[in-house]
Amino acid sequence: QVQLVESGGGLVQAGGSLRLSCAASGSRFSINDMGWYRQAPGKQRELVAVITSGGRTNYADSVKGRATVSRDNAKNTVYLQMNSLKPDDTAVYYCNAEMGTGNTFYDYWGQGTQVTVSS
């Protein structure tokens, strides 16, 4: 059984920082890409950052220079460090991981963690 458990959300003032963590369980699965998405009220879910199993990263333009995604493959954990937070960063942040065995992989999602940035 695969499970993604997120932590680290909360209320932060504009200009502040936070670090999100997401641990994947399901030891018999391999993990390819891991990443973070977010969904603000009334908006579609959007990519924030993704990191491959080899460590290549990609960021949304809106967070470039302010966000750093990293992962610890030994712990099956992905992190998102965000600095200089803005009220527009307020959203539910979802962890995503591509997990599977052999040639069969599926996308899995965490339950989401609320990030609220006050002005």
PDB file of N, CA and C in Angstrom:
ATOM      1  N   GLN A   1       0.846  -1.187   0.000  1.00  0.00           N
ATOM      2  CA  GLN A   1       0.000   0.000   0.000  1.00  0.00           C
ATOM      3  C   GLN A   1       0.884   1.240   0.000  1.00  0.00           C
ATOM      4  N   VAL A   2       0.579   2.159  -0.892  1.00  0.00           N
ATOM      5  CA  VAL A   2       1.366   3.374  -1.028  1.00  0.00           C
ATOM      6  C   VAL A   2       0.702   4.507  -0.273  1.00  0.00           C
ATOM      7  N   GLN A   3       1.514   5.269   0.418  1.00  0.00           N
ATOM      8  CA  GLN A   3       0.990   6.420   1.145  1.00  0.00           C
ATOM      9  C   GLN A   3       2.015   7.543   1.109  1.00  0.00           C
ATOM     10  N   LEU A   4       1.533   8.759   0.891  1.00  0.00           N
ATOM     11  CA  LEU A   4       2.365   9.956   0.945  1.00  0.00           C
ATOM     12  C   LEU A   4       1.859  10.805   2.099  1.00  0.00           C
ATOM     13  N   VAL A   5       2.744  11.113   3.036  1.00  0.00           N
ATOM     14  CA  VAL A   5       2.358  11.877   4.222  1.00  0.00           C
ATOM     15  C   VAL A   5       3.137  13.176   4.242  1.00  0.00           C
ATOM     16  N   GLU A   6       2.398  14.280   4.183  1.00  0.00           N
ATOM     17  CA  GLU A   6       2.996  15.609   4.142  1.00  0.00           C
ATOM     18  C   GLU A   6       3.013  16.233   5.531  1.00  0.00           C
ATOM     19  N   SER A   7       3.937  17.152   5.713  1.00  0.00           N
ATOM     20  CA  SER A   7       3.992  17.925   6.950  1.00  0.00           C
ATOM     21  C   SER A   7       4.677  19.250   6.661  1.00  0.00           C
ATOM     22  N   GLY A   8       4.473  20.207   7.555  1.00  0.00           N
ATOM     23  CA  GLY A   8       5.209  21.460   7.468  1.00  0.00           C
ATOM     24  C   GLY A   8       4.400  22.668   7.054  1.00  0.00           C
ATOM     25  N   GLY A   9       3.147  22.511   6.726  1.00  0.00           N
ATOM     26  CA  GLY A   9       2.341  23.666   6.355  1.00  0.00           C
ATOM     27  C   GLY A   9       1.989  24.500   7.574  1.00  0.00           C
ATOM     28  N   GLY A  10       1.322  25.620   7.318  1.00  0.00           N
ATOM     29  CA  GLY A  10       0.905  26.474   8.411  1.00  0.00           C
ATOM     30  C   GLY A  10       0.725  27.904   7.981  1.00  0.00           C
ATOM     31  N   LEU A  11       0.679  28.778   8.958  1.00  0.00           N
ATOM     32  CA  LEU A  11       0.505  30.214   8.737  1.00  0.00           C
ATOM     33  C   LEU A  11       1.852  30.902   8.871  1.00  0.00           C
ATOM     34  N   VAL A  12       2.180  31.711   7.885  1.00  0.00           N
ATOM     35  CA  VAL A  12       3.448  32.428   7.905  1.00  0.00           C
ATOM     36  C   VAL A  12       3.229  33.824   7.363  1.00  0.00           C
ATOM     37  N   GLN A  13       3.992  34.767   7.845  1.00  0.00           N
ATOM     38  CA  GLN A  13       3.884  36.134   7.367  1.00  0.00           C
ATOM     39  C   GLN A  13       4.603  36.301   6.027  1.00  0.00           C
ATOM     40  N   ALA A  14       4.137  37.248   5.249  1.00  0.00           N
ATOM     41  CA  ALA A  14       4.794  37.557   3.983  1.00  0.00           C
ATOM     42  C   ALA A  14       6.275  37.857   4.234  1.00  0.00           C
ATOM     43  N   GLY A  15       7.105  37.313   3.357  1.00  0.00           N
ATOM     44  CA  GLY A  15       8.542  37.463   3.517  1.00  0.00           C
ATOM     45  C   GLY A  15       9.188  36.349   4.305  1.00  0.00           C
ATOM     46  N   GLY A  16       8.371  35.532   4.929  1.00  0.00           N
ATOM     47  CA  GLY A  16       8.881  34.441   5.733  1.00  0.00           C
ATOM     48  C   GLY A  16       9.203  33.210   4.908  1.00  0.00           C
ATOM     49  N   SER A  17       9.549  32.138   5.618  1.00  0.00           N
ATOM     50  CA  SER A  17       9.950  30.896   4.976  1.00  0.00           C
ATOM     51  C   SER A  17       9.233  29.724   5.608  1.00  0.00           C
ATOM     52  N   LEU A  18       9.174  28.630   4.861  1.00  0.00           N
ATOM     53  CA  LEU A  18       8.696  27.377   5.423  1.00  0.00           C
ATOM     54  C   LEU A  18       9.310  26.224   4.642  1.00  0.00           C
ATOM     55  N   ARG A  19       9.240  25.063   5.263  1.00  0.00           N
ATOM     56  CA  ARG A  19       9.761  23.856   4.639  1.00  0.00           C
ATOM     57  C   ARG A  19       8.708  22.775   4.744  1.00  0.00           C
ATOM     58  N   LEU A  20       8.336  22.241   3.610  1.00  0.00           N
ATOM     59  CA  LEU A  20       7.393  21.134   3.549  1.00  0.00           C
ATOM     60  C   LEU A  20       8.150  19.830   3.364  1.00  0.00           C
ATOM     61  N   SER A  21       7.625  18.785   3.968  1.00  0.00           N
ATOM     62  CA  SER A  21       8.205  17.453   3.816  1.00  0.00           C
ATOM     63  C   SER A  21       7.120  16.486   3.385  1.00  0.00           C
ATOM     64  N   CYS A  22       7.518  15.463   2.661  1.00  0.00           N
ATOM     65  CA  CYS A  22       6.581  14.431   2.231  1.00  0.00           C
ATOM     66  C   CYS A  22       7.322  13.096   2.193  1.00  0.00           C
ATOM     67  N   ALA A  23       6.843  12.169   3.003  1.00  0.00           N
ATOM     68  CA  ALA A  23       7.457  10.849   3.070  1.00  0.00           C
ATOM     69  C   ALA A  23       6.574   9.831   2.379  1.00  0.00           C
ATOM     70  N   ALA A  24       7.168   9.047   1.516  1.00  0.00           N
ATOM     71  CA  ALA A  24       6.445   8.007   0.790  1.00  0.00           C
ATOM     72  C   ALA A  24       6.695   6.664   1.448  1.00  0.00           C
ATOM     73  N   SER A  25       5.632   5.917   1.635  1.00  0.00           N
ATOM     74  CA  SER A  25       5.757   4.561   2.167  1.00  0.00           C
ATOM     75  C   SER A  25       5.309   3.573   1.113  1.00  0.00           C
ATOM     76  N   GLY A  26       5.730   2.327   1.303  1.00  0.00           N
ATOM     77  CA  GLY A  26       5.466   1.333   0.267  1.00  0.00           C
ATOM     78  C   GLY A  26       6.801   0.851  -0.239  1.00  0.00           C
ATOM     79  N   SER A  27       7.527   0.122   0.612  1.00  0.00           N
ATOM     80  CA  SER A  27       8.947  -0.129   0.384  1.00  0.00           C
ATOM     81  C   SER A  27       9.221  -0.960  -0.859  1.00  0.00           C
ATOM     82  N   ARG A  28       8.230  -1.686  -1.362  1.00  0.00           N
ATOM     83  CA  ARG A  28       8.522  -2.523  -2.509  1.00  0.00           C
ATOM     84  C   ARG A  28       8.405  -1.771  -3.826  1.00  0.00           C
ATOM     85  N   PHE A  29       8.071  -0.481  -3.746  1.00  0.00           N
ATOM     86  CA  PHE A  29       7.919   0.326  -4.936  1.00  0.00           C
ATOM     87  C   PHE A  29       9.182   1.128  -5.214  1.00  0.00           C
ATOM     88  N   SER A  30       9.454   1.358  -6.499  1.00  0.00           N
ATOM     89  CA  SER A  30      10.476   2.304  -6.904  1.00  0.00           C
ATOM     90  C   SER A  30       9.811   3.659  -7.107  1.00  0.00           C
ATOM     91  N   ILE A  31      10.597   4.715  -6.953  1.00  0.00           N
ATOM     92  CA  ILE A  31      10.059   6.072  -7.087  1.00  0.00           C
ATOM     93  C   ILE A  31      10.812   6.799  -8.184  1.00  0.00           C
ATOM     94  N   ASN A  32      10.099   7.318  -9.125  1.00  0.00           N
ATOM     95  CA  ASN A  32      10.705   8.153 -10.160  1.00  0.00           C
ATOM     96  C   ASN A  32      10.634   9.614  -9.716  1.00  0.00           C
ATOM     97  N   ASP A  33       9.882  10.425 -10.433  1.00  0.00           N
ATOM     98  CA  ASP A  33       9.782  11.839 -10.081  1.00  0.00           C
ATOM     99  C   ASP A  33       9.000  12.027  -8.790  1.00  0.00           C
ATOM    100  N   MET A  34       9.404  13.023  -8.026  1.00  0.00           N
ATOM    101  CA  MET A  34       8.646  13.478  -6.864  1.00  0.00           C
ATOM    102  C   MET A  34       8.497  14.985  -6.985  1.00  0.00           C
ATOM    103  N   GLY A  35       7.410  15.504  -6.460  1.00  0.00           N
ATOM    104  CA  GLY A  35       7.239  16.936  -6.601  1.00  0.00           C
ATOM    105  C   GLY A  35       6.126  17.497  -5.759  1.00  0.00           C
ATOM    106  N   TRP A  36       5.912  18.776  -5.964  1.00  0.00           N
ATOM    107  CA  TRP A  36       4.907  19.512  -5.213  1.00  0.00           C
ATOM    108  C   TRP A  36       4.010  20.285  -6.188  1.00  0.00           C
ATOM    109  N   TYR A  37       2.726  20.235  -5.892  1.00  0.00           N
ATOM    110  CA  TYR A  37       1.729  21.005  -6.610  1.00  0.00           C
ATOM    111  C   TYR A  37       0.961  21.820  -5.579  1.00  0.00           C
ATOM    112  N   ARG A  38       0.233  22.797  -6.053  1.00  0.00           N
ATOM    113  CA  ARG A  38      -0.599  23.577  -5.134  1.00  0.00           C
ATOM    114  C   ARG A  38      -1.900  23.969  -5.814  1.00  0.00           C
ATOM    115  N   GLN A  39      -2.901  24.189  -4.972  1.00  0.00           N
ATOM    116  CA  GLN A  39      -4.203  24.603  -5.473  1.00  0.00           C
ATOM    117  C   GLN A  39      -4.767  25.680  -4.570  1.00  0.00           C
ATOM    118  N   ALA A  40      -4.926  26.857  -5.135  1.00  0.00           N
ATOM    119  CA  ALA A  40      -5.525  27.971  -4.411  1.00  0.00           C
ATOM    120  C   ALA A  40      -7.040  27.945  -4.621  1.00  0.00           C
ATOM    121  N   PRO A  41      -7.791  28.568  -3.732  1.00  0.00           N
ATOM    122  CA  PRO A  41      -9.253  28.574  -3.874  1.00  0.00           C
ATOM    123  C   PRO A  41      -9.677  29.123  -5.230  1.00  0.00           C
ATOM    124  N   GLY A  42     -10.538  28.388  -5.905  1.00  0.00           N
ATOM    125  CA  GLY A  42     -11.061  28.827  -7.188  1.00  0.00           C
ATOM    126  C   GLY A  42     -10.112  28.668  -8.354  1.00  0.00           C
ATOM    127  N   LYS A  43      -8.962  28.053  -8.116  1.00  0.00           N
ATOM    128  CA  LYS A  43      -7.970  27.885  -9.180  1.00  0.00           C
ATOM    129  C   LYS A  43      -7.662  26.414  -9.384  1.00  0.00           C
ATOM    130  N   GLN A  44      -7.076  26.113 -10.549  1.00  0.00           N
ATOM    131  CA  GLN A  44      -6.686  24.740 -10.838  1.00  0.00           C
ATOM    132  C   GLN A  44      -5.389  24.406 -10.107  1.00  0.00           C
ATOM    133  N   ARG A  45      -5.193  23.118  -9.895  1.00  0.00           N
ATOM    134  CA  ARG A  45      -3.951  22.662  -9.288  1.00  0.00           C
ATOM    135  C   ARG A  45      -2.809  22.931 -10.271  1.00  0.00           C
ATOM    136  N   GLU A  46      -1.686  23.437  -9.747  1.00  0.00           N
ATOM    137  CA  GLU A  46      -0.565  23.787 -10.594  1.00  0.00           C
ATOM    138  C   GLU A  46       0.731  23.232 -10.025  1.00  0.00           C
ATOM    139  N   LEU A  47       1.665  22.989 -10.936  1.00  0.00           N
ATOM    140  CA  LEU A  47       2.979  22.510 -10.530  1.00  0.00           C
ATOM    141  C   LEU A  47       3.734  23.615  -9.792  1.00  0.00           C
ATOM    142  N   VAL A  48       4.396  23.230  -8.717  1.00  0.00           N
ATOM    143  CA  VAL A  48       5.312  24.139  -8.029  1.00  0.00           C
ATOM    144  C   VAL A  48       6.752  23.767  -8.363  1.00  0.00           C
ATOM    145  N   ALA A  49       7.088  22.494  -8.128  1.00  0.00           N
ATOM    146  CA  ALA A  49       8.457  22.038  -8.373  1.00  0.00           C
ATOM    147  C   ALA A  49       8.467  20.530  -8.465  1.00  0.00           C
ATOM    148  N   VAL A  50       9.398  20.006  -9.251  1.00  0.00           N
ATOM    149  CA  VAL A  50       9.536  18.560  -9.397  1.00  0.00           C
ATOM    150  C   VAL A  50      11.014  18.220  -9.406  1.00  0.00           C
ATOM    151  N   ILE A  51      11.330  17.031  -8.910  1.00  0.00           N
ATOM    152  CA  ILE A  51      12.708  16.561  -8.895  1.00  0.00           C
ATOM    153  C   ILE A  51      12.730  15.108  -9.342  1.00  0.00           C
ATOM    154  N   THR A  52      13.640  14.789 -10.240  1.00  0.00           N
ATOM    155  CA  THR A  52      13.746  13.416 -10.726  1.00  0.00           C
ATOM    156  C   THR A  52      14.538  12.572  -9.732  1.00  0.00           C
ATOM    157  N   SER A  53      14.544  11.274  -9.966  1.00  0.00           N
ATOM    158  CA  SER A  53      15.299  10.383  -9.083  1.00  0.00           C
ATOM    159  C   SER A  53      16.790  10.687  -9.158  1.00  0.00           C
ATOM    160  N   GLY A  54      17.231  11.274 -10.258  1.00  0.00           N
ATOM    161  CA  GLY A  54      18.626  11.644 -10.412  1.00  0.00           C
ATOM    162  C   GLY A  54      18.967  13.030  -9.909  1.00  0.00           C
ATOM    163  N   GLY A  55      17.955  13.763  -9.461  1.00  0.00           N
ATOM    164  CA  GLY A  55      18.204  15.075  -8.867  1.00  0.00           C
ATOM    165  C   GLY A  55      17.985  16.273  -9.770  1.00  0.00           C
ATOM    166  N   ARG A  56      17.515  16.039 -10.999  1.00  0.00           N
ATOM    167  CA  ARG A  56      17.202  17.199 -11.858  1.00  0.00           C
ATOM    168  C   ARG A  56      15.920  17.843 -11.360  1.00  0.00           C
ATOM    169  N   THR A  57      15.889  19.167 -11.414  1.00  0.00           N
ATOM    170  CA  THR A  57      14.751  19.905 -10.885  1.00  0.00           C
ATOM    171  C   THR A  57      14.114  20.796 -11.945  1.00  0.00           C
ATOM    172  N   ASN A  58      12.857  21.100 -11.697  1.00  0.00           N
ATOM    173  CA  ASN A  58      12.121  22.025 -12.549  1.00  0.00           C
ATOM    174  C   ASN A  58      11.161  22.796 -11.653  1.00  0.00           C
ATOM    175  N   TYR A  59      11.042  24.107 -11.922  1.00  0.00           N
ATOM    176  CA  TYR A  59      10.228  24.959 -11.073  1.00  0.00           C
ATOM    177  C   TYR A  59       9.230  25.762 -11.897  1.00  0.00           C
ATOM    178  N   ALA A  60       8.104  26.070 -11.280  1.00  0.00           N
ATOM    179  CA  ALA A  60       7.185  27.025 -11.878  1.00  0.00           C
ATOM    180  C   ALA A  60       7.851  28.398 -11.881  1.00  0.00           C
ATOM    181  N   ASP A  61       7.552  29.172 -12.901  1.00  0.00           N
ATOM    182  CA  ASP A  61       8.150  30.508 -12.989  1.00  0.00           C
ATOM    183  C   ASP A  61       7.834  31.344 -11.759  1.00  0.00           C
ATOM    184  N   SER A  62       6.662  31.131 -11.185  1.00  0.00           N
ATOM    185  CA  SER A  62       6.215  31.949 -10.062  1.00  0.00           C
ATOM    186  C   SER A  62       7.031  31.730  -8.792  1.00  0.00           C
ATOM    187  N   VAL A  63       7.765  30.620  -8.718  1.00  0.00           N
ATOM    188  CA  VAL A  63       8.535  30.339  -7.500  1.00  0.00           C
ATOM    189  C   VAL A  63      10.033  30.270  -7.754  1.00  0.00           C
ATOM    190  N   LYS A  64      10.453  30.410  -9.002  1.00  0.00           N
ATOM    191  CA  LYS A  64      11.887  30.341  -9.306  1.00  0.00           C
ATOM    192  C   LYS A  64      12.653  31.389  -8.504  1.00  0.00           C
ATOM    193  N   GLY A  65      13.746  30.952  -7.920  1.00  0.00           N
ATOM    194  CA  GLY A  65      14.550  31.846  -7.092  1.00  0.00           C
ATOM    195  C   GLY A  65      14.098  31.917  -5.649  1.00  0.00           C
ATOM    196  N   ARG A  66      12.903  31.408  -5.368  1.00  0.00           N
ATOM    197  CA  ARG A  66      12.374  31.431  -3.999  1.00  0.00           C
ATOM    198  C   ARG A  66      12.167  30.032  -3.433  1.00  0.00           C
ATOM    199  N   ALA A  67      12.153  29.035  -4.291  1.00  0.00           N
ATOM    200  CA  ALA A  67      11.867  27.668  -3.856  1.00  0.00           C
ATOM    201  C   ALA A  67      13.030  26.742  -4.192  1.00  0.00           C
ATOM    202  N   THR A  68      13.209  25.755  -3.327  1.00  0.00           N
ATOM    203  CA  THR A  68      14.199  24.706  -3.576  1.00  0.00           C
ATOM    204  C   THR A  68      13.569  23.372  -3.247  1.00  0.00           C
ATOM    205  N   VAL A  69      13.522  22.489  -4.233  1.00  0.00           N
ATOM    206  CA  VAL A  69      13.026  21.142  -4.017  1.00  0.00           C
ATOM    207  C   VAL A  69      14.221  20.201  -3.894  1.00  0.00           C
ATOM    208  N   SER A  70      14.132  19.284  -2.966  1.00  0.00           N
ATOM    209  CA  SER A  70      15.204  18.314  -2.759  1.00  0.00           C
ATOM    210  C   SER A  70      14.589  16.998  -2.322  1.00  0.00           C
ATOM    211  N   ARG A  71      15.389  15.949  -2.328  1.00  0.00           N
ATOM    212  CA  ARG A  71      14.873  14.650  -1.907  1.00  0.00           C
ATOM    213  C   ARG A  71      15.978  13.841  -1.262  1.00  0.00           C
ATOM    214  N   ASP A  72      15.545  12.955  -0.386  1.00  0.00           N
ATOM    215  CA  ASP A  72      16.428  11.994   0.254  1.00  0.00           C
ATOM    216  C   ASP A  72      15.940  10.629  -0.184  1.00  0.00           C
ATOM    217  N   ASN A  73      16.625  10.040  -1.141  1.00  0.00           N
ATOM    218  CA  ASN A  73      16.160   8.767  -1.692  1.00  0.00           C
ATOM    219  C   ASN A  73      16.196   7.640  -0.666  1.00  0.00           C
ATOM    220  N   ALA A  74      17.115   7.721   0.269  1.00  0.00           N
ATOM    221  CA  ALA A  74      17.195   6.692   1.300  1.00  0.00           C
ATOM    222  C   ALA A  74      15.968   6.718   2.209  1.00  0.00           C
ATOM    223  N   LYS A  75      15.378   7.892   2.355  1.00  0.00           N
ATOM    224  CA  LYS A  75      14.192   8.041   3.216  1.00  0.00           C
ATOM    225  C   LYS A  75      12.902   8.153   2.414  1.00  0.00           C
ATOM    226  N   ASN A  76      13.007   8.076   1.071  1.00  0.00           N
ATOM    227  CA  ASN A  76      11.826   8.235   0.208  1.00  0.00           C
ATOM    228  C   ASN A  76      11.072   9.521   0.551  1.00  0.00           C
ATOM    229  N   THR A  77      11.803  10.571   0.750  1.00  0.00           N
ATOM    230  CA  THR A  77      11.218  11.835   1.204  1.00  0.00           C
ATOM    231  C   THR A  77      11.614  12.969   0.263  1.00  0.00           C
ATOM    232  N   VAL A  78      10.644  13.822  -0.009  1.00  0.00           N
ATOM    233  CA  VAL A  78      10.883  15.016  -0.816  1.00  0.00           C
ATOM    234  C   VAL A  78      10.575  16.234   0.043  1.00  0.00           C
ATOM    235  N   TYR A  79      11.347  17.293  -0.186  1.00  0.00           N
ATOM    236  CA  TYR A  79      11.217  18.510   0.592  1.00  0.00           C
ATOM    237  C   TYR A  79      10.976  19.696  -0.346  1.00  0.00           C
ATOM    238  N   LEU A  80      10.321  20.707   0.201  1.00  0.00           N
ATOM    239  CA  LEU A  80      10.172  21.963  -0.523  1.00  0.00           C
ATOM    240  C   LEU A  80      10.474  23.092   0.450  1.00  0.00           C
ATOM    241  N   GLN A  81      11.556  23.797   0.193  1.00  0.00           N
ATOM    242  CA  GLN A  81      11.912  24.978   0.966  1.00  0.00           C
ATOM    243  C   GLN A  81      11.456  26.201   0.179  1.00  0.00           C
ATOM    244  N   MET A  82      10.643  27.024   0.813  1.00  0.00           N
ATOM    245  CA  MET A  82      10.170  28.236   0.143  1.00  0.00           C
ATOM    246  C   MET A  82      10.522  29.444   0.988  1.00  0.00           C
ATOM    247  N   ASN A  83      11.118  30.432   0.356  1.00  0.00           N
ATOM    248  CA  ASN A  83      11.531  31.660   1.015  1.00  0.00           C
ATOM    249  C   ASN A  83      10.810  32.843   0.391  1.00  0.00           C
ATOM    250  N   SER A  84      10.916  33.972   1.045  1.00  0.00           N
ATOM    251  CA  SER A  84      10.289  35.207   0.547  1.00  0.00           C
ATOM    252  C   SER A  84       8.839  34.956   0.156  1.00  0.00           C
ATOM    253  N   LEU A  85       8.109  34.335   1.036  1.00  0.00           N
ATOM    254  CA  LEU A  85       6.732  33.955   0.732  1.00  0.00           C
ATOM    255  C   LEU A  85       5.858  35.180   0.504  1.00  0.00           C
ATOM    256  N   LYS A  86       4.890  35.001  -0.396  1.00  0.00           N
ATOM    257  CA  LYS A  86       3.952  36.062  -0.752  1.00  0.00           C
ATOM    258  C   LYS A  86       2.531  35.580  -0.471  1.00  0.00           C
ATOM    259  N   PRO A  87       1.603  36.498  -0.272  1.00  0.00           N
ATOM    260  CA  PRO A  87       0.209  36.067  -0.099  1.00  0.00           C
ATOM    261  C   PRO A  87      -0.289  35.202  -1.254  1.00  0.00           C
ATOM    262  N   ASP A  88       0.216  35.431  -2.462  1.00  0.00           N
ATOM    263  CA  ASP A  88      -0.187  34.618  -3.615  1.00  0.00           C
ATOM    264  C   ASP A  88       0.274  33.161  -3.501  1.00  0.00           C
ATOM    265  N   ASP A  89       1.159  32.878  -2.575  1.00  0.00           N
ATOM    266  CA  ASP A  89       1.594  31.489  -2.362  1.00  0.00           C
ATOM    267  C   ASP A  89       0.598  30.712  -1.505  1.00  0.00           C
ATOM    268  N   THR A  90      -0.406  31.394  -0.986  1.00  0.00           N
ATOM    269  CA  THR A  90      -1.421  30.728  -0.173  1.00  0.00           C
ATOM    270  C   THR A  90      -2.160  29.696  -1.002  1.00  0.00           C
ATOM    271  N   ALA A  91      -2.168  28.456  -0.516  1.00  0.00           N
ATOM    272  CA  ALA A  91      -2.791  27.355  -1.246  1.00  0.00           C
ATOM    273  C   ALA A  91      -2.682  26.093  -0.409  1.00  0.00           C
ATOM    274  N   VAL A  92      -3.369  25.060  -0.857  1.00  0.00           N
ATOM    275  CA  VAL A  92      -3.120  23.721  -0.342  1.00  0.00           C
ATOM    276  C   VAL A  92      -2.014  23.109  -1.204  1.00  0.00           C
ATOM    277  N   TYR A  93      -0.976  22.650  -0.549  1.00  0.00           N
ATOM    278  CA  TYR A  93       0.171  22.081  -1.244  1.00  0.00           C
ATOM    279  C   TYR A  93       0.082  20.556  -1.192  1.00  0.00           C
ATOM    280  N   TYR A  94       0.223  19.941  -2.356  1.00  0.00           N
ATOM    281  CA  TYR A  94       0.100  18.501  -2.483  1.00  0.00           C
ATOM    282  C   TYR A  94       1.427  17.893  -2.930  1.00  0.00           C
ATOM    283  N   CYS A  95       1.808  16.837  -2.272  1.00  0.00           N
ATOM    284  CA  CYS A  95       2.970  16.064  -2.678  1.00  0.00           C
ATOM    285  C   CYS A  95       2.539  15.072  -3.756  1.00  0.00           C
ATOM    286  N   ASN A  96       3.422  14.841  -4.692  1.00  0.00           N
ATOM    287  CA  ASN A  96       3.155  13.890  -5.767  1.00  0.00           C
ATOM    288  C   ASN A  96       4.368  13.006  -5.970  1.00  0.00           C
ATOM    289  N   ALA A  97       4.129  11.734  -6.228  1.00  0.00           N
ATOM    290  CA  ALA A  97       5.235  10.813  -6.503  1.00  0.00           C
ATOM    291  C   ALA A  97       4.803   9.803  -7.546  1.00  0.00           C
ATOM    292  N   GLU A  98       5.719   9.526  -8.460  1.00  0.00           N
ATOM    293  CA  GLU A  98       5.480   8.494  -9.470  1.00  0.00           C
ATOM    294  C   GLU A  98       6.129   7.218  -8.949  1.00  0.00           C
ATOM    295  N   MET A  99       5.300   6.238  -8.597  1.00  0.00           N
ATOM    296  CA  MET A  99       5.782   5.056  -7.929  1.00  0.00           C
ATOM    297  C   MET A  99       5.273   3.814  -8.627  1.00  0.00           C
ATOM    298  N   GLY A 100       6.074   2.743  -8.569  1.00  0.00           N
ATOM    299  CA  GLY A 100       5.635   1.505  -9.177  1.00  0.00           C
ATOM    300  C   GLY A 100       6.713   0.460  -9.157  1.00  0.00           C
ATOM    301  N   THR A 101       6.488  -0.574  -9.932  1.00  0.00           N
ATOM    302  CA  THR A 101       7.447  -1.660 -10.078  1.00  0.00           C
ATOM    303  C   THR A 101       7.564  -2.032 -11.545  1.00  0.00           C
ATOM    304  N   GLY A 102       8.734  -2.530 -11.918  1.00  0.00           N
ATOM    305  CA  GLY A 102       8.934  -2.931 -13.303  1.00  0.00           C
ATOM    306  C   GLY A 102       8.722  -1.768 -14.249  1.00  0.00           C
ATOM    307  N   ASN A 103       7.830  -1.942 -15.223  1.00  0.00           N
ATOM    308  CA  ASN A 103       7.531  -0.890 -16.187  1.00  0.00           C
ATOM    309  C   ASN A 103       6.193  -0.205 -15.907  1.00  0.00           C
ATOM    310  N   THR A 104       5.608  -0.500 -14.770  1.00  0.00           N
ATOM    311  CA  THR A 104       4.293   0.048 -14.438  1.00  0.00           C
ATOM    312  C   THR A 104       4.413   1.022 -13.283  1.00  0.00           C
ATOM    313  N   PHE A 105       4.122   2.299 -13.576  1.00  0.00           N
ATOM    314  CA  PHE A 105       4.196   3.346 -12.570  1.00  0.00           C
ATOM    315  C   PHE A 105       2.902   4.155 -12.575  1.00  0.00           C
ATOM    316  N   TYR A 106       2.533   4.629 -11.400  1.00  0.00           N
ATOM    317  CA  TYR A 106       1.338   5.435 -11.249  1.00  0.00           C
ATOM    318  C   TYR A 106       1.667   6.698 -10.452  1.00  0.00           C
ATOM    319  N   ASP A 107       0.839   7.710 -10.636  1.00  0.00           N
ATOM    320  CA  ASP A 107       0.947   8.927  -9.837  1.00  0.00           C
ATOM    321  C   ASP A 107       0.197   8.750  -8.522  1.00  0.00           C
ATOM    322  N   TYR A 108       0.830   9.117  -7.441  1.00  0.00           N
ATOM    323  CA  TYR A 108       0.214   9.097  -6.124  1.00  0.00           C
ATOM    324  C   TYR A 108       0.275  10.502  -5.529  1.00  0.00           C
ATOM    325  N   TRP A 109      -0.741  10.788  -4.706  1.00  0.00           N
ATOM    326  CA  TRP A 109      -0.865  12.118  -4.127  1.00  0.00           C
ATOM    327  C   TRP A 109      -0.983  12.046  -2.616  1.00  0.00           C
ATOM    328  N   GLY A 110      -0.417  13.056  -1.969  1.00  0.00           N
ATOM    329  CA  GLY A 110      -0.638  13.210  -0.544  1.00  0.00           C
ATOM    330  C   GLY A 110      -1.991  13.850  -0.280  1.00  0.00           C
ATOM    331  N   GLN A 111      -2.314  13.995   0.992  1.00  0.00           N
ATOM    332  CA  GLN A 111      -3.621  14.519   1.372  1.00  0.00           C
ATOM    333  C   GLN A 111      -3.671  16.036   1.291  1.00  0.00           C
ATOM    334  N   GLY A 112      -2.536  16.666   1.177  1.00  0.00           N
ATOM    335  CA  GLY A 112      -2.481  18.117   1.081  1.00  0.00           C
ATOM    336  C   GLY A 112      -2.196  18.760   2.425  1.00  0.00           C
ATOM    337  N   THR A 113      -1.465  19.857   2.389  1.00  0.00           N
ATOM    338  CA  THR A 113      -1.181  20.621   3.597  1.00  0.00           C
ATOM    339  C   THR A 113      -1.393  22.108   3.287  1.00  0.00           C
ATOM    340  N   GLN A 114      -2.104  22.781   4.168  1.00  0.00           N
ATOM    341  CA  GLN A 114      -2.464  24.171   3.927  1.00  0.00           C
ATOM    342  C   GLN A 114      -1.289  25.085   4.245  1.00  0.00           C
ATOM    343  N   VAL A 115      -1.005  25.987   3.324  1.00  0.00           N
ATOM    344  CA  VAL A 115      -0.028  27.050   3.541  1.00  0.00           C
ATOM    345  C   VAL A 115      -0.766  28.373   3.381  1.00  0.00           C
ATOM    346  N   THR A 116      -0.722  29.179   4.411  1.00  0.00           N
ATOM    347  CA  THR A 116      -1.374  30.483   4.378  1.00  0.00           C
ATOM    348  C   THR A 116      -0.332  31.563   4.651  1.00  0.00           C
ATOM    349  N   VAL A 117      -0.231  32.510   3.736  1.00  0.00           N
ATOM    350  CA  VAL A 117       0.736  33.598   3.876  1.00  0.00           C
ATOM    351  C   VAL A 117      -0.041  34.885   4.125  1.00  0.00           C
ATOM    352  N   SER A 118       0.173  35.480   5.261  1.00  0.00           N
ATOM    353  CA  SER A 118      -0.535  36.712   5.621  1.00  0.00           C
ATOM    354  C   SER A 118       0.277  37.929   5.199  1.00  0.00           C
ATOM    355  N   SER A 119      -0.448  38.958   4.803  1.00  0.00           N
ATOM    356  CA  SER A 119       0.233  40.185   4.336  1.00  0.00           C
ATOM    357  C   SER A 119       0.503  41.132   5.493  1.00  0.00           C
TER     358      SER A 119
END
